[in-house]
Amino acid sequence: MARKKMPVNYIDELCTSTSERKQRLGETLKAQYKRWMETLALDDFLEFLETIMANKTEIGVVQFFGKFRAYAFEEYVYRLLKAKIPIENPLDVF
């Protein structure tokens, strides 16, 4: 079963915010998200997480911030394993 909310949804919420700072942060995170999705490089993913950490007050409440990081980590591990380990019938989580 696919997850109902994914990291890209959190990024979209930032991009569509009425706050210009949140919109800029959303665009930065969108570019970083795209990069680590393509490369699956740990350094790219860590840069993404560090940007989230550095902007946690801008991102919002603790629950939003925590879920955003957790879901991003889950997606990274899922995509990394899917790319590196051939599984005949993988779960469609993301």
PDB file of N, CA and C in Angstrom:
ATOM      1  N   MET A   1       0.844  -1.172   0.000  1.00  0.00           N
ATOM      2  CA  MET A   1       0.000   0.000   0.000  1.00  0.00           C
ATOM      3  C   MET A   1       0.893   1.241   0.000  1.00  0.00           C
ATOM      4  N   ALA A   2       0.574   2.161  -0.844  1.00  0.00           N
ATOM      5  CA  ALA A   2       1.368   3.383  -0.961  1.00  0.00           C
ATOM      6  C   ALA A   2       1.111   4.309   0.231  1.00  0.00           C
ATOM      7  N   ARG A   3       2.154   4.988   0.626  1.00  0.00           N
ATOM      8  CA  ARG A   3       2.056   5.955   1.722  1.00  0.00           C
ATOM      9  C   ARG A   3       1.196   7.134   1.259  1.00  0.00           C
ATOM     10  N   LYS A   4       0.344   7.636   2.146  1.00  0.00           N
ATOM     11  CA  LYS A   4      -0.543   8.740   1.776  1.00  0.00           C
ATOM     12  C   LYS A   4       0.190  10.067   1.699  1.00  0.00           C
ATOM     13  N   LYS A   5       1.176  10.263   2.560  1.00  0.00           N
ATOM     14  CA  LYS A   5       1.923  11.521   2.547  1.00  0.00           C
ATOM     15  C   LYS A   5       3.403  11.194   2.403  1.00  0.00           C
ATOM     16  N   MET A   6       4.041  11.863   1.463  1.00  0.00           N
ATOM     17  CA  MET A   6       5.449  11.620   1.179  1.00  0.00           C
ATOM     18  C   MET A   6       6.228  12.926   1.345  1.00  0.00           C
ATOM     19  N   PRO A   7       7.553  12.843   1.368  1.00  0.00           N
ATOM     20  CA  PRO A   7       8.358  14.064   1.516  1.00  0.00           C
ATOM     21  C   PRO A   7       8.004  15.145   0.495  1.00  0.00           C
ATOM     22  N   VAL A   8       7.705  14.744  -0.718  1.00  0.00           N
ATOM     23  CA  VAL A   8       7.378  15.732  -1.750  1.00  0.00           C
ATOM     24  C   VAL A   8       6.124  16.526  -1.379  1.00  0.00           C
ATOM     25  N   ASN A   9       5.216  15.920  -0.624  1.00  0.00           N
ATOM     26  CA  ASN A   9       4.024  16.636  -0.175  1.00  0.00           C
ATOM     27  C   ASN A   9       4.378  17.746   0.816  1.00  0.00           C
ATOM     28  N   TYR A  10       5.328  17.467   1.694  1.00  0.00           N
ATOM     29  CA  TYR A  10       5.785  18.494   2.637  1.00  0.00           C
ATOM     30  C   TYR A  10       6.475  19.632   1.885  1.00  0.00           C
ATOM     31  N   ILE A  11       7.262  19.274   0.883  1.00  0.00           N
ATOM     32  CA  ILE A  11       7.946  20.281   0.069  1.00  0.00           C
ATOM     33  C   ILE A  11       6.918  21.145  -0.658  1.00  0.00           C
ATOM     34  N   ASP A  12       5.895  20.511  -1.226  1.00  0.00           N
ATOM     35  CA  ASP A  12       4.843  21.258  -1.930  1.00  0.00           C
ATOM     36  C   ASP A  12       4.124  22.236  -0.998  1.00  0.00           C
ATOM     37  N   GLU A  13       3.901  21.817   0.253  1.00  0.00           N
ATOM     38  CA  GLU A  13       3.259  22.715   1.216  1.00  0.00           C
ATOM     39  C   GLU A  13       4.110  23.953   1.452  1.00  0.00           C
ATOM     40  N   LEU A  14       5.429  23.769   1.513  1.00  0.00           N
ATOM     41  CA  LEU A  14       6.317  24.919   1.687  1.00  0.00           C
ATOM     42  C   LEU A  14       6.286  25.810   0.447  1.00  0.00           C
ATOM     43  N   CYS A  15       6.310  25.199  -0.721  1.00  0.00           N
ATOM     44  CA  CYS A  15       6.326  25.964  -1.982  1.00  0.00           C
ATOM     45  C   CYS A  15       5.058  26.780  -2.190  1.00  0.00           C
ATOM     46  N   THR A  16       3.943  26.314  -1.664  1.00  0.00           N
ATOM     47  CA  THR A  16       2.672  27.016  -1.853  1.00  0.00           C
ATOM     48  C   THR A  16       2.298  27.895  -0.660  1.00  0.00           C
ATOM     49  N   SER A  17       3.209  28.024   0.281  1.00  0.00           N
ATOM     50  CA  SER A  17       2.974  28.863   1.456  1.00  0.00           C
ATOM     51  C   SER A  17       2.833  30.331   1.046  1.00  0.00           C
ATOM     52  N   THR A  18       2.168  31.093   1.896  1.00  0.00           N
ATOM     53  CA  THR A  18       2.069  32.535   1.652  1.00  0.00           C
ATOM     54  C   THR A  18       3.358  33.251   2.054  1.00  0.00           C
ATOM     55  N   SER A  19       4.193  32.574   2.817  1.00  0.00           N
ATOM     56  CA  SER A  19       5.473  33.142   3.247  1.00  0.00           C
ATOM     57  C   SER A  19       6.524  32.984   2.144  1.00  0.00           C
ATOM     58  N   GLU A  20       7.131  34.089   1.784  1.00  0.00           N
ATOM     59  CA  GLU A  20       8.167  34.058   0.744  1.00  0.00           C
ATOM     60  C   GLU A  20       9.374  33.232   1.187  1.00  0.00           C
ATOM     61  N   ARG A  21       9.715  33.310   2.469  1.00  0.00           N
ATOM     62  CA  ARG A  21      10.847  32.532   2.997  1.00  0.00           C
ATOM     63  C   ARG A  21      10.572  31.036   2.888  1.00  0.00           C
ATOM     64  N   LYS A  22       9.345  30.631   3.216  1.00  0.00           N
ATOM     65  CA  LYS A  22       8.984  29.216   3.109  1.00  0.00           C
ATOM     66  C   LYS A  22       8.987  28.765   1.652  1.00  0.00           C
ATOM     67  N   GLN A  23       8.548  29.633   0.763  1.00  0.00           N
ATOM     68  CA  GLN A  23       8.564  29.297  -0.665  1.00  0.00           C
ATOM     69  C   GLN A  23       9.991  29.077  -1.155  1.00  0.00           C
ATOM     70  N   ARG A  24      10.916  29.960  -0.751  1.00  0.00           N
ATOM     71  CA  ARG A  24      12.328  29.806  -1.146  1.00  0.00           C
ATOM     72  C   ARG A  24      12.911  28.524  -0.572  1.00  0.00           C
ATOM     73  N   LEU A  25      12.594  28.253   0.689  1.00  0.00           N
ATOM     74  CA  LEU A  25      13.051  27.016   1.325  1.00  0.00           C
ATOM     75  C   LEU A  25      12.486  25.808   0.582  1.00  0.00           C
ATOM     76  N   GLY A  26      11.213  25.872   0.222  1.00  0.00           N
ATOM     77  CA  GLY A  26      10.589  24.787  -0.531  1.00  0.00           C
ATOM     78  C   GLY A  26      11.285  24.537  -1.856  1.00  0.00           C
ATOM     79  N   GLU A  27      11.639  25.597  -2.556  1.00  0.00           N
ATOM     80  CA  GLU A  27      12.337  25.449  -3.844  1.00  0.00           C
ATOM     81  C   GLU A  27      13.726  24.846  -3.651  1.00  0.00           C
ATOM     82  N   THR A  28      14.417  25.261  -2.590  1.00  0.00           N
ATOM     83  CA  THR A  28      15.733  24.689  -2.281  1.00  0.00           C
ATOM     84  C   THR A  28      15.606  23.201  -1.986  1.00  0.00           C
ATOM     85  N   LEU A  29      14.643  22.853  -1.138  1.00  0.00           N
ATOM     86  CA  LEU A  29      14.437  21.446  -0.786  1.00  0.00           C
ATOM     87  C   LEU A  29      14.000  20.626  -1.996  1.00  0.00           C
ATOM     88  N   LYS A  30      13.201  21.218  -2.862  1.00  0.00           N
ATOM     89  CA  LYS A  30      12.758  20.513  -4.070  1.00  0.00           C
ATOM     90  C   LYS A  30      13.951  20.146  -4.946  1.00  0.00           C
ATOM     91  N   ALA A  31      14.881  21.083  -5.111  1.00  0.00           N
ATOM     92  CA  ALA A  31      16.078  20.822  -5.922  1.00  0.00           C
ATOM     93  C   ALA A  31      16.954  19.756  -5.266  1.00  0.00           C
ATOM     94  N   GLN A  32      17.107  19.835  -3.944  1.00  0.00           N
ATOM     95  CA  GLN A  32      17.913  18.840  -3.238  1.00  0.00           C
ATOM     96  C   GLN A  32      17.248  17.467  -3.280  1.00  0.00           C
ATOM     97  N   TYR A  33      15.931  17.435  -3.137  1.00  0.00           N
ATOM     98  CA  TYR A  33      15.170  16.183  -3.200  1.00  0.00           C
ATOM     99  C   TYR A  33      15.356  15.528  -4.567  1.00  0.00           C
ATOM    100  N   LYS A  34      15.218  16.325  -5.599  1.00  0.00           N
ATOM    101  CA  LYS A  34      15.388  15.808  -6.962  1.00  0.00           C
ATOM    102  C   LYS A  34      16.791  15.228  -7.151  1.00  0.00           C
ATOM    103  N   ARG A  35      17.791  15.934  -6.605  1.00  0.00           N
ATOM    104  CA  ARG A  35      19.170  15.483  -6.758  1.00  0.00           C
ATOM    105  C   ARG A  35      19.393  14.133  -6.075  1.00  0.00           C
ATOM    106  N   TRP A  36      18.970  13.989  -4.800  1.00  0.00           N
ATOM    107  CA  TRP A  36      19.243  12.712  -4.149  1.00  0.00           C
ATOM    108  C   TRP A  36      18.369  11.587  -4.690  1.00  0.00           C
ATOM    109  N   MET A  37      17.212  11.927  -5.229  1.00  0.00           N
ATOM    110  CA  MET A  37      16.387  10.892  -5.865  1.00  0.00           C
ATOM    111  C   MET A  37      17.086  10.339  -7.104  1.00  0.00           C
ATOM    112  N   GLU A  38      17.806  11.193  -7.823  1.00  0.00           N
ATOM    113  CA  GLU A  38      18.509  10.756  -9.032  1.00  0.00           C
ATOM    114  C   GLU A  38      19.805  10.023  -8.707  1.00  0.00           C
ATOM    115  N   THR A  39      20.565  10.546  -7.741  1.00  0.00           N
ATOM    116  CA  THR A  39      21.887   9.979  -7.456  1.00  0.00           C
ATOM    117  C   THR A  39      21.862   8.896  -6.394  1.00  0.00           C
ATOM    118  N   LEU A  40      20.937   8.988  -5.460  1.00  0.00           N
ATOM    119  CA  LEU A  40      20.887   8.141  -4.267  1.00  0.00           C
ATOM    120  C   LEU A  40      22.195   8.204  -3.476  1.00  0.00           C
ATOM    121  N   ALA A  41      22.945   9.285  -3.669  1.00  0.00           N
ATOM    122  CA  ALA A  41      24.205   9.474  -2.952  1.00  0.00           C
ATOM    123  C   ALA A  41      23.918   9.924  -1.521  1.00  0.00           C
ATOM    124  N   LEU A  42      24.620   9.320  -0.586  1.00  0.00           N
ATOM    125  CA  LEU A  42      24.421   9.658   0.819  1.00  0.00           C
ATOM    126  C   LEU A  42      24.705  11.135   1.080  1.00  0.00           C
ATOM    127  N   ASP A  43      25.745  11.679   0.468  1.00  0.00           N
ATOM    128  CA  ASP A  43      26.072  13.097   0.663  1.00  0.00           C
ATOM    129  C   ASP A  43      24.931  14.007   0.217  1.00  0.00           C
ATOM    130  N   ASP A  44      24.283  13.666  -0.886  1.00  0.00           N
ATOM    131  CA  ASP A  44      23.149  14.463  -1.365  1.00  0.00           C
ATOM    132  C   ASP A  44      21.976  14.378  -0.393  1.00  0.00           C
ATOM    133  N   PHE A  45      21.730  13.171   0.119  1.00  0.00           N
ATOM    134  CA  PHE A  45      20.634  12.997   1.069  1.00  0.00           C
ATOM    135  C   PHE A  45      20.922  13.735   2.375  1.00  0.00           C
ATOM    136  N   LEU A  46      22.165  13.650   2.849  1.00  0.00           N
ATOM    137  CA  LEU A  46      22.525  14.335   4.089  1.00  0.00           C
ATOM    138  C   LEU A  46      22.414  15.852   3.952  1.00  0.00           C
ATOM    139  N   GLU A  47      22.758  16.377   2.790  1.00  0.00           N
ATOM    140  CA  GLU A  47      22.603  17.814   2.550  1.00  0.00           C
ATOM    141  C   GLU A  47      21.125  18.209   2.658  1.00  0.00           C
ATOM    142  N   PHE A  48      20.255  17.373   2.117  1.00  0.00           N
ATOM    143  CA  PHE A  48      18.809  17.584   2.196  1.00  0.00           C
ATOM    144  C   PHE A  48      18.355  17.601   3.660  1.00  0.00           C
ATOM    145  N   LEU A  49      18.787  16.594   4.437  1.00  0.00           N
ATOM    146  CA  LEU A  49      18.408  16.527   5.850  1.00  0.00           C
ATOM    147  C   LEU A  49      18.965  17.706   6.640  1.00  0.00           C
ATOM    148  N   GLU A  50      20.191  18.101   6.342  1.00  0.00           N
ATOM    149  CA  GLU A  50      20.793  19.238   7.044  1.00  0.00           C
ATOM    150  C   GLU A  50      20.032  20.531   6.754  1.00  0.00           C
ATOM    151  N   THR A  51      19.538  20.672   5.546  1.00  0.00           N
ATOM    152  CA  THR A  51      18.733  21.850   5.208  1.00  0.00           C
ATOM    153  C   THR A  51      17.438  21.846   6.007  1.00  0.00           C
ATOM    154  N   ILE A  52      16.831  20.680   6.154  1.00  0.00           N
ATOM    155  CA  ILE A  52      15.616  20.564   6.965  1.00  0.00           C
ATOM    156  C   ILE A  52      15.936  20.942   8.412  1.00  0.00           C
ATOM    157  N   MET A  53      17.023  20.376   8.954  1.00  0.00           N
ATOM    158  CA  MET A  53      17.410  20.650  10.346  1.00  0.00           C
ATOM    159  C   MET A  53      17.682  22.138  10.567  1.00  0.00           C
ATOM    160  N   ALA A  54      18.389  22.753   9.635  1.00  0.00           N
ATOM    161  CA  ALA A  54      18.765  24.161   9.776  1.00  0.00           C
ATOM    162  C   ALA A  54      17.561  25.095   9.689  1.00  0.00           C
ATOM    163  N   ASN A  55      16.468  24.605   9.127  1.00  0.00           N
ATOM    164  CA  ASN A  55      15.283  25.447   8.914  1.00  0.00           C
ATOM    165  C   ASN A  55      14.056  24.930   9.647  1.00  0.00           C
ATOM    166  N   LYS A  56      14.271  24.194  10.723  1.00  0.00           N
ATOM    167  CA  LYS A  56      13.130  23.574  11.406  1.00  0.00           C
ATOM    168  C   LYS A  56      12.138  24.602  11.945  1.00  0.00           C
ATOM    169  N   THR A  57      12.610  25.766  12.366  1.00  0.00           N
ATOM    170  CA  THR A  57      11.660  26.778  12.848  1.00  0.00           C
ATOM    171  C   THR A  57      10.826  27.336  11.698  1.00  0.00           C
ATOM    172  N   GLU A  58      11.423  27.429  10.529  1.00  0.00           N
ATOM    173  CA  GLU A  58      10.702  27.911   9.346  1.00  0.00           C
ATOM    174  C   GLU A  58       9.705  26.857   8.855  1.00  0.00           C
ATOM    175  N   ILE A  59      10.062  25.588   9.010  1.00  0.00           N
ATOM    176  CA  ILE A  59       9.216  24.493   8.526  1.00  0.00           C
ATOM    177  C   ILE A  59       7.944  24.391   9.348  1.00  0.00           C
ATOM    178  N   GLY A  60       8.058  24.600  10.653  1.00  0.00           N
ATOM    179  CA  GLY A  60       6.840  24.617  11.446  1.00  0.00           C
ATOM    180  C   GLY A  60       6.875  23.728  12.665  1.00  0.00           C
ATOM    181  N   VAL A  61       5.702  23.290  13.055  1.00  0.00           N
ATOM    182  CA  VAL A  61       5.534  22.545  14.299  1.00  0.00           C
ATOM    183  C   VAL A  61       6.384  21.279  14.311  1.00  0.00           C
ATOM    184  N   VAL A  62       6.680  20.830  15.515  1.00  0.00           N
ATOM    185  CA  VAL A  62       7.564  19.681  15.706  1.00  0.00           C
ATOM    186  C   VAL A  62       7.055  18.445  14.971  1.00  0.00           C
ATOM    187  N   GLN A  63       5.758  18.189  15.002  1.00  0.00           N
ATOM    188  CA  GLN A  63       5.210  17.009  14.344  1.00  0.00           C
ATOM    189  C   GLN A  63       5.456  17.059  12.838  1.00  0.00           C
ATOM    190  N   PHE A  64       5.245  18.210  12.235  1.00  0.00           N
ATOM    191  CA  PHE A  64       5.455  18.381  10.795  1.00  0.00           C
ATOM    192  C   PHE A  64       6.919  18.151  10.461  1.00  0.00           C
ATOM    193  N   PHE A  65       7.795  18.789  11.221  1.00  0.00           N
ATOM    194  CA  PHE A  65       9.233  18.693  11.019  1.00  0.00           C
ATOM    195  C   PHE A  65       9.714  17.250  11.199  1.00  0.00           C
ATOM    196  N   GLY A  66       9.271  16.601  12.273  1.00  0.00           N
ATOM    197  CA  GLY A  66       9.697  15.232  12.564  1.00  0.00           C
ATOM    198  C   GLY A  66       9.220  14.230  11.526  1.00  0.00           C
ATOM    199  N   LYS A  67       7.967  14.335  11.132  1.00  0.00           N
ATOM    200  CA  LYS A  67       7.440  13.420  10.114  1.00  0.00           C
ATOM    201  C   LYS A  67       8.134  13.630   8.775  1.00  0.00           C
ATOM    202  N   PHE A  68       8.401  14.875   8.436  1.00  0.00           N
ATOM    203  CA  PHE A  68       9.084  15.206   7.186  1.00  0.00           C
ATOM    204  C   PHE A  68      10.433  14.489   7.129  1.00  0.00           C
ATOM    205  N   ARG A  69      11.225  14.608   8.198  1.00  0.00           N
ATOM    206  CA  ARG A  69      12.540  13.944   8.234  1.00  0.00           C
ATOM    207  C   ARG A  69      12.400  12.430   8.200  1.00  0.00           C
ATOM    208  N   ALA A  70      11.481  11.907   8.997  1.00  0.00           N
ATOM    209  CA  ALA A  70      11.307  10.457   9.077  1.00  0.00           C
ATOM    210  C   ALA A  70      10.865   9.874   7.736  1.00  0.00           C
ATOM    211  N   TYR A  71       9.901  10.501   7.095  1.00  0.00           N
ATOM    212  CA  TYR A  71       9.428  10.000   5.807  1.00  0.00           C
ATOM    213  C   TYR A  71      10.503  10.115   4.732  1.00  0.00           C
ATOM    214  N   ALA A  72      11.299  11.184   4.797  1.00  0.00           N
ATOM    215  CA  ALA A  72      12.399  11.331   3.838  1.00  0.00           C
ATOM    216  C   ALA A  72      13.408  10.204   4.029  1.00  0.00           C
ATOM    217  N   PHE A  73      13.733   9.892   5.277  1.00  0.00           N
ATOM    218  CA  PHE A  73      14.677   8.809   5.554  1.00  0.00           C
ATOM    219  C   PHE A  73      14.117   7.469   5.066  1.00  0.00           C
ATOM    220  N   GLU A  74      12.854   7.207   5.352  1.00  0.00           N
ATOM    221  CA  GLU A  74      12.221   5.967   4.890  1.00  0.00           C
ATOM    222  C   GLU A  74      12.283   5.858   3.365  1.00  0.00           C
ATOM    223  N   GLU A  75      11.970   6.959   2.688  1.00  0.00           N
ATOM    224  CA  GLU A  75      11.979   6.928   1.229  1.00  0.00           C
ATOM    225  C   GLU A  75      13.388   6.713   0.691  1.00  0.00           C
ATOM    226  N   TYR A  76      14.372   7.354   1.308  1.00  0.00           N
ATOM    227  CA  TYR A  76      15.759   7.185   0.864  1.00  0.00           C
ATOM    228  C   TYR A  76      16.184   5.721   0.994  1.00  0.00           C
ATOM    229  N   VAL A  77      15.949   5.133   2.158  1.00  0.00           N
ATOM    230  CA  VAL A  77      16.338   3.733   2.381  1.00  0.00           C
ATOM    231  C   VAL A  77      15.586   2.818   1.419  1.00  0.00           C
ATOM    232  N   TYR A  78      14.302   3.042   1.248  1.00  0.00           N
ATOM    233  CA  TYR A  78      13.496   2.230   0.333  1.00  0.00           C
ATOM    234  C   TYR A  78      14.055   2.283  -1.089  1.00  0.00           C
ATOM    235  N   ARG A  79      14.308   3.487  -1.585  1.00  0.00           N
ATOM    236  CA  ARG A  79      14.795   3.636  -2.964  1.00  0.00           C
ATOM    237  C   ARG A  79      16.216   3.100  -3.126  1.00  0.00           C
ATOM    238  N   LEU A  80      17.038   3.269  -2.108  1.00  0.00           N
ATOM    239  CA  LEU A  80      18.395   2.743  -2.150  1.00  0.00           C
ATOM    240  C   LEU A  80      18.375   1.218  -2.210  1.00  0.00           C
ATOM    241  N   LEU A  81      17.597   0.592  -1.352  1.00  0.00           N
ATOM    242  CA  LEU A  81      17.490  -0.870  -1.364  1.00  0.00           C
ATOM    243  C   LEU A  81      16.893  -1.374  -2.674  1.00  0.00           C
ATOM    244  N   LYS A  82      15.871  -0.692  -3.151  1.00  0.00           N
ATOM    245  CA  LYS A  82      15.231  -1.090  -4.408  1.00  0.00           C
ATOM    246  C   LYS A  82      16.219  -1.024  -5.574  1.00  0.00           C
ATOM    247  N   ALA A  83      17.111  -0.027  -5.555  1.00  0.00           N
ATOM    248  CA  ALA A  83      18.095   0.131  -6.630  1.00  0.00           C
ATOM    249  C   ALA A  83      19.233  -0.880  -6.524  1.00  0.00           C
ATOM    250  N   LYS A  84      19.580  -1.278  -5.301  1.00  0.00           N
ATOM    251  CA  LYS A  84      20.762  -2.122  -5.096  1.00  0.00           C
ATOM    252  C   LYS A  84      20.459  -3.609  -4.973  1.00  0.00           C
ATOM    253  N   ILE A  85      19.245  -3.937  -4.565  1.00  0.00           N
ATOM    254  CA  ILE A  85      18.897  -5.340  -4.331  1.00  0.00           C
ATOM    255  C   ILE A  85      17.747  -5.725  -5.254  1.00  0.00           C
ATOM    256  N   PRO A  86      17.991  -6.683  -6.144  1.00  0.00           N
ATOM    257  CA  PRO A  86      16.918  -7.094  -7.057  1.00  0.00           C
ATOM    258  C   PRO A  86      15.840  -7.910  -6.325  1.00  0.00           C
ATOM    259  N   ILE A  87      14.678  -7.308  -6.171  1.00  0.00           N
ATOM    260  CA  ILE A  87      13.546  -7.989  -5.541  1.00  0.00           C
ATOM    261  C   ILE A  87      12.480  -8.161  -6.612  1.00  0.00           C
ATOM    262  N   GLU A  88      12.031  -9.392  -6.781  1.00  0.00           N
ATOM    263  CA  GLU A  88      11.094  -9.694  -7.861  1.00  0.00           C
ATOM    264  C   GLU A  88       9.787  -8.916  -7.755  1.00  0.00           C
ATOM    265  N   ASN A  89       9.179  -8.919  -6.590  1.00  0.00           N
ATOM    266  CA  ASN A  89       7.906  -8.226  -6.382  1.00  0.00           C
ATOM    267  C   ASN A  89       8.044  -7.238  -5.226  1.00  0.00           C
ATOM    268  N   PRO A  90       8.667  -6.093  -5.465  1.00  0.00           N
ATOM    269  CA  PRO A  90       8.856  -5.140  -4.371  1.00  0.00           C
ATOM    270  C   PRO A  90       7.535  -4.503  -3.950  1.00  0.00           C
ATOM    271  N   LEU A  91       7.478  -4.087  -2.704  1.00  0.00           N
ATOM    272  CA  LEU A  91       6.299  -3.376  -2.212  1.00  0.00           C
ATOM    273  C   LEU A  91       6.276  -1.984  -2.822  1.00  0.00           C
ATOM    274  N   ASP A  92       5.111  -1.526  -3.178  1.00  0.00           N
ATOM    275  CA  ASP A  92       4.973  -0.170  -3.714  1.00  0.00           C
ATOM    276  C   ASP A  92       4.591   0.767  -2.580  1.00  0.00           C
ATOM    277  N   VAL A  93       5.592   1.173  -1.831  1.00  0.00           N
ATOM    278  CA  VAL A  93       5.362   2.041  -0.685  1.00  0.00           C
ATOM    279  C   VAL A  93       5.418   3.498  -1.102  1.00  0.00           C
ATOM    280  N   PHE A  94       6.334   3.817  -2.017  1.00  0.00           N
ATOM    281  CA  PHE A  94       6.512   5.201  -2.462  1.00  0.00           C
ATOM    282  C   PHE A  94       6.227   5.309  -3.932  1.00  0.00           C
TER     283      PHE A  94
END
